N, C-alpha and C. Protein backbone atom coordinates (compact mmCIF):
# COMPACT_ATOMS: atom_id res chain seq x y z
N MET A 1 93.91 -98.64 -15.07
CA MET A 1 93.36 -97.47 -15.71
C MET A 1 94.47 -96.46 -15.96
N THR A 2 94.59 -96.01 -17.19
CA THR A 2 95.63 -95.07 -17.57
C THR A 2 95.05 -93.67 -17.60
N THR A 3 95.75 -92.74 -16.98
CA THR A 3 95.32 -91.34 -17.05
C THR A 3 96.23 -90.61 -18.01
N ARG A 4 95.61 -89.79 -18.82
CA ARG A 4 96.39 -89.01 -19.80
C ARG A 4 96.91 -87.75 -19.11
N ARG A 5 98.12 -87.40 -19.48
CA ARG A 5 98.70 -86.17 -18.95
C ARG A 5 98.01 -84.98 -19.58
N PRO A 6 97.89 -83.88 -18.83
CA PRO A 6 97.29 -82.67 -19.43
C PRO A 6 98.11 -82.22 -20.63
N ARG A 7 97.42 -81.78 -21.68
CA ARG A 7 98.08 -81.39 -22.92
C ARG A 7 97.88 -79.91 -23.19
N CYS A 8 98.86 -79.33 -23.88
CA CYS A 8 98.74 -77.96 -24.35
C CYS A 8 97.72 -77.95 -25.48
N LEU A 9 96.77 -77.05 -25.42
CA LEU A 9 95.74 -76.99 -26.46
C LEU A 9 96.29 -76.48 -27.79
N ARG A 10 97.41 -75.76 -27.76
CA ARG A 10 97.97 -75.20 -28.99
C ARG A 10 98.89 -76.19 -29.70
N CYS A 11 99.93 -76.66 -29.02
CA CYS A 11 100.91 -77.54 -29.69
C CYS A 11 100.57 -79.02 -29.51
N GLU A 12 99.55 -79.33 -28.73
CA GLU A 12 99.05 -80.69 -28.52
C GLU A 12 100.04 -81.62 -27.85
N ARG A 13 101.07 -81.07 -27.22
CA ARG A 13 102.05 -81.87 -26.50
C ARG A 13 101.70 -81.86 -25.02
N PRO A 14 102.22 -82.82 -24.24
CA PRO A 14 102.01 -82.76 -22.80
C PRO A 14 102.50 -81.41 -22.26
N LEU A 15 101.81 -80.87 -21.27
CA LEU A 15 102.18 -79.56 -20.72
C LEU A 15 103.64 -79.53 -20.28
N SER A 16 104.14 -80.65 -19.79
CA SER A 16 105.53 -80.71 -19.32
C SER A 16 106.54 -80.57 -20.46
N THR A 17 106.11 -80.80 -21.71
CA THR A 17 107.02 -80.68 -22.86
C THR A 17 106.46 -79.72 -23.91
N CYS A 18 105.62 -78.79 -23.47
CA CYS A 18 105.03 -77.80 -24.40
C CYS A 18 106.14 -77.04 -25.12
N LEU A 19 105.96 -76.85 -26.42
CA LEU A 19 106.97 -76.19 -27.24
C LEU A 19 106.58 -74.77 -27.65
N CYS A 20 105.46 -74.30 -27.18
CA CYS A 20 104.95 -73.00 -27.63
C CYS A 20 105.94 -71.86 -27.40
N ALA A 21 106.67 -71.89 -26.30
CA ALA A 21 107.62 -70.80 -26.00
C ALA A 21 108.78 -70.76 -26.99
N THR A 22 109.06 -71.88 -27.68
CA THR A 22 110.18 -71.90 -28.64
C THR A 22 109.76 -71.47 -30.04
N LEU A 23 108.44 -71.45 -30.30
CA LEU A 23 107.94 -71.13 -31.63
C LEU A 23 108.01 -69.63 -31.90
N PRO A 24 108.27 -69.23 -33.14
CA PRO A 24 108.30 -67.80 -33.46
C PRO A 24 106.95 -67.16 -33.22
N ALA A 25 106.98 -65.98 -32.62
CA ALA A 25 105.74 -65.22 -32.39
C ALA A 25 105.98 -63.81 -32.89
N PRO A 26 105.21 -63.37 -33.84
CA PRO A 26 104.15 -64.08 -34.54
C PRO A 26 104.74 -65.12 -35.49
N PRO A 27 103.89 -66.02 -36.03
CA PRO A 27 104.38 -66.98 -37.01
C PRO A 27 105.05 -66.27 -38.19
N LEU A 28 106.01 -66.93 -38.79
CA LEU A 28 106.81 -66.34 -39.86
C LEU A 28 106.01 -66.19 -41.15
N ALA A 29 106.23 -65.07 -41.83
CA ALA A 29 105.56 -64.78 -43.10
C ALA A 29 106.29 -65.48 -44.24
N HIS A 30 105.53 -65.88 -45.26
CA HIS A 30 106.09 -66.49 -46.47
C HIS A 30 105.05 -66.37 -47.56
N ARG A 31 105.48 -66.50 -48.82
CA ARG A 31 104.57 -66.35 -49.96
C ARG A 31 103.84 -67.63 -50.33
N THR A 32 104.54 -68.76 -50.32
CA THR A 32 103.98 -70.02 -50.79
C THR A 32 103.17 -70.68 -49.69
N GLU A 33 101.90 -70.94 -49.97
CA GLU A 33 101.06 -71.61 -48.99
C GLU A 33 101.46 -73.08 -48.89
N LEU A 34 101.45 -73.62 -47.68
CA LEU A 34 101.68 -75.04 -47.48
C LEU A 34 100.37 -75.69 -47.09
N LEU A 35 100.05 -76.78 -47.77
CA LEU A 35 98.88 -77.59 -47.45
C LEU A 35 99.41 -78.94 -47.00
N ILE A 36 99.24 -79.25 -45.72
CA ILE A 36 99.72 -80.51 -45.16
C ILE A 36 98.54 -81.45 -45.04
N LEU A 37 98.63 -82.58 -45.73
CA LEU A 37 97.62 -83.63 -45.64
C LEU A 37 98.19 -84.69 -44.71
N GLN A 38 97.64 -84.76 -43.51
CA GLN A 38 98.20 -85.61 -42.48
C GLN A 38 97.39 -86.89 -42.32
N HIS A 39 98.08 -88.02 -42.39
CA HIS A 39 97.44 -89.31 -42.13
C HIS A 39 96.96 -89.30 -40.67
N PRO A 40 95.75 -89.81 -40.40
CA PRO A 40 95.21 -89.76 -39.04
C PRO A 40 96.09 -90.43 -37.99
N ALA A 41 96.88 -91.42 -38.38
CA ALA A 41 97.75 -92.10 -37.41
C ALA A 41 98.86 -91.19 -36.90
N GLU A 42 99.17 -90.12 -37.63
CA GLU A 42 100.21 -89.18 -37.21
C GLU A 42 99.69 -88.15 -36.22
N ALA A 43 98.41 -87.87 -36.25
CA ALA A 43 97.83 -86.85 -35.37
C ALA A 43 98.04 -87.27 -33.92
N GLY A 44 98.56 -86.37 -33.13
CA GLY A 44 98.78 -86.64 -31.72
C GLY A 44 100.03 -87.43 -31.43
N HIS A 45 100.78 -87.81 -32.46
CA HIS A 45 102.03 -88.55 -32.26
C HIS A 45 103.07 -87.60 -31.64
N ALA A 46 103.76 -88.04 -30.61
CA ALA A 46 104.71 -87.18 -29.90
C ALA A 46 105.84 -86.68 -30.79
N LYS A 47 106.18 -87.42 -31.84
CA LYS A 47 107.30 -87.03 -32.70
C LYS A 47 106.83 -86.30 -33.96
N ASN A 48 105.60 -85.90 -33.99
CA ASN A 48 104.99 -85.24 -35.15
C ASN A 48 105.53 -83.81 -35.30
N THR A 49 106.01 -83.48 -36.50
CA THR A 49 106.53 -82.13 -36.73
C THR A 49 105.60 -81.26 -37.56
N ALA A 50 104.56 -81.84 -38.15
CA ALA A 50 103.67 -81.07 -39.02
C ALA A 50 102.98 -79.94 -38.26
N LEU A 51 102.55 -80.22 -37.04
CA LEU A 51 101.88 -79.18 -36.27
C LEU A 51 102.84 -78.05 -35.93
N LEU A 52 104.10 -78.37 -35.64
CA LEU A 52 105.08 -77.30 -35.38
C LEU A 52 105.24 -76.41 -36.61
N LEU A 53 105.26 -77.02 -37.78
CA LEU A 53 105.35 -76.25 -39.02
C LEU A 53 104.14 -75.34 -39.16
N ALA A 54 102.96 -75.89 -38.88
CA ALA A 54 101.73 -75.10 -38.99
C ALA A 54 101.68 -73.97 -37.98
N LEU A 55 102.21 -74.18 -36.80
CA LEU A 55 102.19 -73.15 -35.77
C LEU A 55 103.27 -72.08 -35.99
N GLY A 56 104.36 -72.45 -36.67
CA GLY A 56 105.47 -71.52 -36.84
C GLY A 56 105.42 -70.67 -38.10
N LEU A 57 104.51 -71.00 -39.02
CA LEU A 57 104.39 -70.26 -40.27
C LEU A 57 102.97 -69.72 -40.43
N GLN A 58 102.84 -68.62 -41.16
CA GLN A 58 101.53 -67.97 -41.31
C GLN A 58 100.60 -68.68 -42.29
N ARG A 59 101.12 -69.18 -43.38
CA ARG A 59 100.25 -69.68 -44.46
C ARG A 59 100.33 -71.20 -44.58
N VAL A 60 99.83 -71.88 -43.54
CA VAL A 60 99.84 -73.34 -43.52
C VAL A 60 98.43 -73.81 -43.17
N GLN A 61 97.96 -74.76 -43.94
CA GLN A 61 96.68 -75.41 -43.66
C GLN A 61 96.99 -76.88 -43.39
N LEU A 62 96.59 -77.37 -42.22
CA LEU A 62 96.83 -78.76 -41.82
C LEU A 62 95.49 -79.48 -41.79
N LEU A 63 95.34 -80.47 -42.68
CA LEU A 63 94.11 -81.26 -42.75
C LEU A 63 94.44 -82.69 -42.37
N ARG A 64 93.61 -83.27 -41.50
CA ARG A 64 93.83 -84.65 -41.05
C ARG A 64 92.75 -85.55 -41.65
N GLY A 65 93.19 -86.67 -42.21
CA GLY A 65 92.26 -87.61 -42.81
C GLY A 65 92.99 -88.54 -43.77
N GLU A 66 92.20 -89.28 -44.53
CA GLU A 66 92.78 -90.18 -45.53
C GLU A 66 92.37 -89.83 -46.95
N VAL A 67 91.17 -89.30 -47.11
CA VAL A 67 90.67 -88.91 -48.42
C VAL A 67 90.34 -87.42 -48.36
N PHE A 68 90.84 -86.68 -49.34
CA PHE A 68 90.67 -85.24 -49.36
C PHE A 68 90.02 -84.80 -50.66
N ASP A 69 89.36 -83.67 -50.63
CA ASP A 69 88.62 -83.13 -51.76
C ASP A 69 89.58 -82.69 -52.87
N ALA A 70 89.32 -83.13 -54.08
CA ALA A 70 90.15 -82.76 -55.23
C ALA A 70 90.12 -81.26 -55.49
N ALA A 71 89.15 -80.55 -54.94
CA ALA A 71 89.08 -79.10 -55.12
C ALA A 71 90.26 -78.40 -54.45
N LEU A 72 91.02 -79.11 -53.63
CA LEU A 72 92.22 -78.53 -53.02
C LEU A 72 93.32 -78.27 -54.06
N ALA A 73 93.21 -78.90 -55.21
CA ALA A 73 94.21 -78.75 -56.27
C ALA A 73 93.90 -77.52 -57.12
N VAL A 74 93.98 -76.37 -56.49
CA VAL A 74 93.74 -75.12 -57.21
C VAL A 74 94.93 -74.83 -58.14
N PRO A 75 94.75 -73.99 -59.16
CA PRO A 75 95.88 -73.65 -60.04
C PRO A 75 97.07 -73.14 -59.21
N GLY A 76 98.25 -73.55 -59.59
CA GLY A 76 99.46 -73.15 -58.88
C GLY A 76 99.85 -74.11 -57.77
N THR A 77 99.15 -75.25 -57.65
CA THR A 77 99.44 -76.24 -56.61
C THR A 77 100.42 -77.28 -57.13
N ALA A 78 101.40 -77.64 -56.31
CA ALA A 78 102.36 -78.70 -56.63
C ALA A 78 102.49 -79.61 -55.42
N LEU A 79 102.94 -80.83 -55.67
CA LEU A 79 103.12 -81.83 -54.62
C LEU A 79 104.61 -81.98 -54.33
N LEU A 80 104.99 -81.86 -53.07
CA LEU A 80 106.37 -82.11 -52.65
C LEU A 80 106.47 -83.58 -52.27
N TYR A 81 107.03 -84.37 -53.19
CA TYR A 81 107.11 -85.82 -52.97
C TYR A 81 108.08 -86.39 -54.00
N PRO A 82 108.98 -87.26 -53.56
CA PRO A 82 109.93 -87.85 -54.53
C PRO A 82 109.25 -88.87 -55.43
N GLY A 83 109.93 -89.25 -56.48
CA GLY A 83 109.42 -90.31 -57.34
C GLY A 83 109.34 -89.91 -58.79
N ASP A 84 108.68 -90.74 -59.57
CA ASP A 84 108.57 -90.51 -61.00
C ASP A 84 107.92 -89.16 -61.27
N GLY A 85 108.50 -88.42 -62.19
CA GLY A 85 107.94 -87.14 -62.59
C GLY A 85 108.31 -85.99 -61.68
N ALA A 86 109.08 -86.25 -60.61
CA ALA A 86 109.47 -85.17 -59.70
C ALA A 86 110.67 -84.43 -60.27
N THR A 87 110.62 -83.12 -60.19
CA THR A 87 111.75 -82.30 -60.60
C THR A 87 112.51 -81.90 -59.35
N ALA A 88 113.80 -81.75 -59.47
CA ALA A 88 114.61 -81.34 -58.33
C ALA A 88 114.28 -79.91 -57.98
N ALA A 89 113.49 -79.73 -57.00
CA ALA A 89 112.99 -78.49 -56.42
C ALA A 89 113.28 -77.18 -57.12
N ALA A 90 113.73 -77.18 -58.36
CA ALA A 90 113.81 -75.95 -59.12
C ALA A 90 112.40 -75.71 -59.62
N ALA A 91 111.57 -75.26 -58.72
CA ALA A 91 110.14 -75.17 -58.99
C ALA A 91 109.83 -74.04 -59.95
N PRO A 92 108.83 -74.24 -60.77
CA PRO A 92 108.39 -73.14 -61.61
C PRO A 92 107.90 -71.98 -60.74
N ALA A 93 108.02 -70.79 -61.24
CA ALA A 93 107.67 -69.60 -60.47
C ALA A 93 106.18 -69.54 -60.14
N ASP A 94 105.36 -70.32 -60.83
CA ASP A 94 103.93 -70.21 -60.61
C ASP A 94 103.41 -71.10 -59.47
N VAL A 95 104.30 -71.77 -58.72
CA VAL A 95 103.85 -72.57 -57.57
C VAL A 95 103.47 -71.61 -56.45
N ARG A 96 102.20 -71.63 -56.11
CA ARG A 96 101.69 -70.78 -55.04
C ARG A 96 101.24 -71.60 -53.83
N ARG A 97 101.04 -72.91 -54.03
CA ARG A 97 100.64 -73.80 -52.94
C ARG A 97 101.42 -75.09 -53.10
N LEU A 98 101.98 -75.55 -52.00
CA LEU A 98 102.76 -76.78 -52.00
C LEU A 98 102.08 -77.77 -51.05
N VAL A 99 101.78 -78.97 -51.57
CA VAL A 99 101.14 -80.02 -50.78
C VAL A 99 102.23 -80.92 -50.20
N LEU A 100 102.16 -81.15 -48.89
CA LEU A 100 103.06 -82.08 -48.20
C LEU A 100 102.21 -83.19 -47.61
N LEU A 101 102.68 -84.42 -47.72
CA LEU A 101 101.99 -85.56 -47.13
C LEU A 101 102.70 -85.90 -45.83
N ASP A 102 101.96 -85.94 -44.74
CA ASP A 102 102.54 -86.17 -43.43
C ASP A 102 102.14 -87.55 -42.91
N GLY A 103 103.14 -88.37 -42.69
CA GLY A 103 102.95 -89.72 -42.17
C GLY A 103 104.21 -90.51 -42.46
N SER A 104 104.19 -91.77 -42.09
CA SER A 104 105.31 -92.65 -42.44
C SER A 104 105.32 -92.77 -43.97
N TRP A 105 106.37 -93.37 -44.52
CA TRP A 105 106.41 -93.54 -45.97
C TRP A 105 105.26 -94.42 -46.43
N ARG A 106 104.95 -95.45 -45.66
CA ARG A 106 103.81 -96.32 -46.01
C ARG A 106 102.50 -95.52 -45.99
N GLN A 107 102.32 -94.71 -44.96
CA GLN A 107 101.10 -93.89 -44.86
C GLN A 107 101.02 -92.87 -45.98
N SER A 108 102.14 -92.29 -46.35
CA SER A 108 102.11 -91.30 -47.43
C SER A 108 101.77 -91.96 -48.77
N ARG A 109 102.26 -93.19 -48.99
CA ARG A 109 101.87 -93.91 -50.21
C ARG A 109 100.38 -94.22 -50.21
N ARG A 110 99.84 -94.52 -49.04
CA ARG A 110 98.39 -94.74 -48.93
C ARG A 110 97.61 -93.47 -49.25
N LEU A 111 98.10 -92.34 -48.76
CA LEU A 111 97.44 -91.06 -49.07
C LEU A 111 97.47 -90.80 -50.57
N LEU A 112 98.60 -91.09 -51.22
CA LEU A 112 98.69 -90.91 -52.67
C LEU A 112 97.68 -91.79 -53.39
N ALA A 113 97.58 -93.04 -52.96
CA ALA A 113 96.66 -93.97 -53.61
C ALA A 113 95.20 -93.59 -53.37
N ALA A 114 94.89 -93.08 -52.20
CA ALA A 114 93.50 -92.74 -51.86
C ALA A 114 93.05 -91.41 -52.46
N ASN A 115 94.00 -90.64 -52.98
CA ASN A 115 93.71 -89.32 -53.54
C ASN A 115 94.32 -89.21 -54.93
N PRO A 116 93.68 -89.81 -55.93
CA PRO A 116 94.27 -89.85 -57.28
C PRO A 116 94.53 -88.47 -57.86
N TRP A 117 93.84 -87.46 -57.41
CA TRP A 117 94.05 -86.10 -57.91
C TRP A 117 95.48 -85.61 -57.62
N LEU A 118 96.12 -86.18 -56.60
CA LEU A 118 97.50 -85.78 -56.29
C LEU A 118 98.45 -86.14 -57.44
N ALA A 119 98.17 -87.25 -58.13
CA ALA A 119 99.02 -87.69 -59.24
C ALA A 119 99.00 -86.69 -60.40
N GLY A 120 97.96 -85.88 -60.49
CA GLY A 120 97.86 -84.90 -61.56
C GLY A 120 98.60 -83.60 -61.27
N LEU A 121 99.14 -83.47 -60.07
CA LEU A 121 99.87 -82.24 -59.72
C LEU A 121 101.32 -82.31 -60.18
N PRO A 122 101.90 -81.16 -60.53
CA PRO A 122 103.36 -81.16 -60.74
C PRO A 122 104.02 -81.63 -59.45
N ARG A 123 105.08 -82.42 -59.59
CA ARG A 123 105.73 -82.99 -58.42
C ARG A 123 107.12 -82.40 -58.26
N LEU A 124 107.43 -82.00 -57.05
CA LEU A 124 108.76 -81.48 -56.74
C LEU A 124 109.44 -82.40 -55.75
N ALA A 125 110.74 -82.53 -55.88
CA ALA A 125 111.53 -83.34 -54.94
C ALA A 125 112.69 -82.50 -54.45
N LEU A 126 113.07 -82.72 -53.22
CA LEU A 126 114.23 -82.02 -52.67
C LEU A 126 115.50 -82.77 -53.01
N PRO A 127 116.60 -82.06 -53.20
CA PRO A 127 117.88 -82.76 -53.36
C PRO A 127 118.18 -83.53 -52.07
N ALA A 128 118.81 -84.70 -52.19
CA ALA A 128 119.14 -85.49 -51.01
C ALA A 128 120.04 -84.68 -50.09
N GLN A 129 119.69 -84.66 -48.83
CA GLN A 129 120.47 -83.93 -47.83
C GLN A 129 120.27 -84.61 -46.48
N PRO A 130 121.24 -84.45 -45.61
CA PRO A 130 121.09 -85.07 -44.29
C PRO A 130 120.00 -84.35 -43.49
N GLY A 131 119.29 -85.12 -42.70
CA GLY A 131 118.26 -84.54 -41.85
C GLY A 131 118.81 -84.19 -40.48
N ARG A 132 118.09 -83.33 -39.79
CA ARG A 132 118.46 -82.92 -38.43
C ARG A 132 117.58 -83.61 -37.40
N TYR A 133 116.69 -84.47 -37.85
CA TYR A 133 115.69 -85.08 -36.98
C TYR A 133 116.22 -86.37 -36.38
N ALA A 134 117.00 -86.25 -35.32
CA ALA A 134 117.68 -87.40 -34.73
C ALA A 134 116.76 -88.27 -33.89
N ILE A 135 115.51 -87.87 -33.71
CA ILE A 135 114.58 -88.66 -32.89
C ILE A 135 114.12 -89.90 -33.64
N ARG A 136 113.88 -89.75 -34.93
CA ARG A 136 113.47 -90.89 -35.77
C ARG A 136 114.62 -91.24 -36.69
N ARG A 137 114.73 -92.51 -37.01
CA ARG A 137 115.80 -92.98 -37.89
C ARG A 137 115.31 -92.96 -39.33
N ALA A 138 116.07 -92.32 -40.18
CA ALA A 138 115.75 -92.34 -41.62
C ALA A 138 116.24 -93.65 -42.20
N HIS A 139 115.44 -94.23 -43.08
CA HIS A 139 115.81 -95.51 -43.70
C HIS A 139 116.65 -95.30 -44.95
N ARG A 140 116.58 -94.12 -45.53
CA ARG A 140 117.37 -93.78 -46.72
C ARG A 140 117.85 -92.35 -46.59
N PRO A 141 118.98 -92.02 -47.24
CA PRO A 141 119.43 -90.63 -47.24
C PRO A 141 118.36 -89.73 -47.85
N GLY A 142 118.21 -88.57 -47.30
CA GLY A 142 117.26 -87.61 -47.85
C GLY A 142 115.86 -87.73 -47.28
N GLN A 143 115.60 -88.71 -46.42
CA GLN A 143 114.27 -88.81 -45.80
C GLN A 143 114.23 -87.83 -44.64
N LEU A 144 113.33 -86.88 -44.74
CA LEU A 144 113.25 -85.77 -43.79
C LEU A 144 111.90 -85.77 -43.08
N SER A 145 111.86 -85.11 -41.94
CA SER A 145 110.58 -84.90 -41.28
C SER A 145 109.77 -83.92 -42.11
N THR A 146 108.49 -83.84 -41.83
CA THR A 146 107.63 -82.91 -42.56
C THR A 146 108.10 -81.47 -42.38
N LEU A 147 108.49 -81.12 -41.16
CA LEU A 147 108.98 -79.75 -40.93
C LEU A 147 110.23 -79.48 -41.74
N GLU A 148 111.18 -80.41 -41.72
CA GLU A 148 112.41 -80.22 -42.50
C GLU A 148 112.11 -80.08 -43.99
N ALA A 149 111.29 -80.97 -44.52
CA ALA A 149 110.96 -80.92 -45.94
C ALA A 149 110.27 -79.61 -46.29
N GLY A 150 109.32 -79.20 -45.46
CA GLY A 150 108.61 -77.95 -45.72
C GLY A 150 109.53 -76.74 -45.70
N LEU A 151 110.41 -76.66 -44.71
CA LEU A 151 111.31 -75.51 -44.61
C LEU A 151 112.34 -75.51 -45.73
N HIS A 152 112.88 -76.68 -46.08
CA HIS A 152 113.84 -76.74 -47.19
C HIS A 152 113.16 -76.32 -48.51
N ALA A 153 111.94 -76.80 -48.73
CA ALA A 153 111.22 -76.43 -49.96
C ALA A 153 110.94 -74.93 -50.00
N LEU A 154 110.48 -74.38 -48.88
CA LEU A 154 110.22 -72.93 -48.86
C LEU A 154 111.51 -72.13 -49.07
N THR A 155 112.60 -72.60 -48.50
CA THR A 155 113.88 -71.91 -48.70
C THR A 155 114.26 -71.92 -50.17
N LEU A 156 114.07 -73.07 -50.84
CA LEU A 156 114.38 -73.14 -52.28
C LEU A 156 113.46 -72.24 -53.09
N LEU A 157 112.18 -72.20 -52.73
CA LEU A 157 111.21 -71.41 -53.49
C LEU A 157 111.33 -69.91 -53.21
N GLU A 158 111.65 -69.56 -51.98
CA GLU A 158 111.58 -68.16 -51.57
C GLU A 158 112.91 -67.55 -51.15
N GLY A 159 113.92 -68.39 -50.91
CA GLY A 159 115.22 -67.86 -50.53
C GLY A 159 115.34 -67.44 -49.08
N GLU A 160 114.32 -67.68 -48.27
CA GLU A 160 114.36 -67.32 -46.85
C GLU A 160 114.88 -68.49 -46.03
N PRO A 161 115.71 -68.23 -45.02
CA PRO A 161 116.24 -69.34 -44.22
C PRO A 161 115.30 -69.82 -43.10
N PHE A 162 114.33 -69.03 -42.68
CA PHE A 162 113.38 -69.41 -41.63
C PHE A 162 114.08 -69.84 -40.35
N SER A 163 115.16 -69.14 -39.99
CA SER A 163 116.00 -69.50 -38.83
C SER A 163 115.23 -69.66 -37.52
N PRO A 164 114.26 -68.77 -37.18
CA PRO A 164 113.57 -68.96 -35.90
C PRO A 164 112.81 -70.28 -35.80
N LEU A 165 112.28 -70.76 -36.90
CA LEU A 165 111.56 -72.03 -36.86
C LEU A 165 112.54 -73.21 -36.82
N TRP A 166 113.70 -73.06 -37.46
CA TRP A 166 114.73 -74.09 -37.33
C TRP A 166 115.18 -74.18 -35.88
N ALA A 167 115.31 -73.06 -35.19
CA ALA A 167 115.71 -73.07 -33.78
C ALA A 167 114.66 -73.80 -32.93
N ALA A 168 113.38 -73.57 -33.21
CA ALA A 168 112.32 -74.27 -32.48
C ALA A 168 112.39 -75.78 -32.76
N PHE A 169 112.67 -76.14 -34.01
CA PHE A 169 112.80 -77.56 -34.37
C PHE A 169 113.97 -78.19 -33.63
N ASP A 170 115.10 -77.49 -33.59
CA ASP A 170 116.27 -78.03 -32.89
C ASP A 170 115.97 -78.22 -31.40
N ALA A 171 115.22 -77.30 -30.79
CA ALA A 171 114.81 -77.45 -29.39
C ALA A 171 113.90 -78.67 -29.22
N PHE A 172 113.00 -78.87 -30.17
CA PHE A 172 112.11 -80.04 -30.17
C PHE A 172 112.92 -81.33 -30.22
N VAL A 173 113.91 -81.38 -31.10
CA VAL A 173 114.75 -82.58 -31.25
C VAL A 173 115.55 -82.80 -29.97
N GLN A 174 116.15 -81.75 -29.42
CA GLN A 174 116.95 -81.89 -28.20
C GLN A 174 116.09 -82.37 -27.04
N ALA A 175 114.87 -81.87 -26.91
CA ALA A 175 113.96 -82.30 -25.85
C ALA A 175 113.63 -83.78 -26.02
N GLY A 176 113.43 -84.22 -27.25
CA GLY A 176 113.14 -85.63 -27.52
C GLY A 176 114.33 -86.52 -27.20
N LEU A 177 115.53 -86.07 -27.55
CA LEU A 177 116.72 -86.85 -27.24
C LEU A 177 116.94 -86.93 -25.73
N TYR A 178 116.68 -85.84 -25.04
CA TYR A 178 116.82 -85.82 -23.58
C TYR A 178 115.84 -86.81 -22.95
N ARG A 179 114.59 -86.76 -23.41
CA ARG A 179 113.57 -87.67 -22.86
C ARG A 179 113.95 -89.12 -23.13
N ARG A 180 114.49 -89.39 -24.30
CA ARG A 180 114.92 -90.75 -24.62
C ARG A 180 116.07 -91.19 -23.70
N ALA A 181 117.07 -90.30 -23.52
CA ALA A 181 118.21 -90.62 -22.69
C ALA A 181 117.81 -90.86 -21.24
N MET A 182 116.78 -90.15 -20.79
CA MET A 182 116.31 -90.29 -19.41
C MET A 182 115.30 -91.44 -19.26
N GLY A 183 115.00 -92.12 -20.37
CA GLY A 183 114.06 -93.22 -20.31
C GLY A 183 112.62 -92.77 -20.19
N LEU A 184 112.34 -91.53 -20.61
CA LEU A 184 111.00 -90.96 -20.49
C LEU A 184 110.24 -91.05 -21.79
N ALA A 185 110.90 -91.37 -22.87
CA ALA A 185 110.22 -91.40 -24.18
C ALA A 185 109.75 -92.77 -24.54
């Protein structure tokens, strides 16, 4: 019989690795709303960064599931995702909501297929850049965690560096590397 460790109700991590103290308080202000559509397999995953993004910023909506209502595509919504039709993050000024897909690349492709309305959104892509997420291995250059992608996109759209949330992310990565080195991960 396996017993689950007590979890923080806010960051959903085990109490022994709670990250709430590293997150900016209050959450950081920004103009562009982020809508994170999270594949259910990512929810509760120890290496998940989407929840940290949602906790560290004021205007983030995190929805978990596989099929989402097309009514989420309000005017001014764009999809942050590479591929055909994506422009290099020189986003039009009228982007007021940015959709991020949270999951593995396979899961994100499934989310795209299950939600055809996403294909009708303007698509933005980030320029290839190295990631800071040393806990997971990127298979190609430019593959970033959801938090990294969200913060880079917001920086391009708004010009803000969001340094306090980057510091929380770096603490998250260091804690994960420590746990791995100690054989705890």
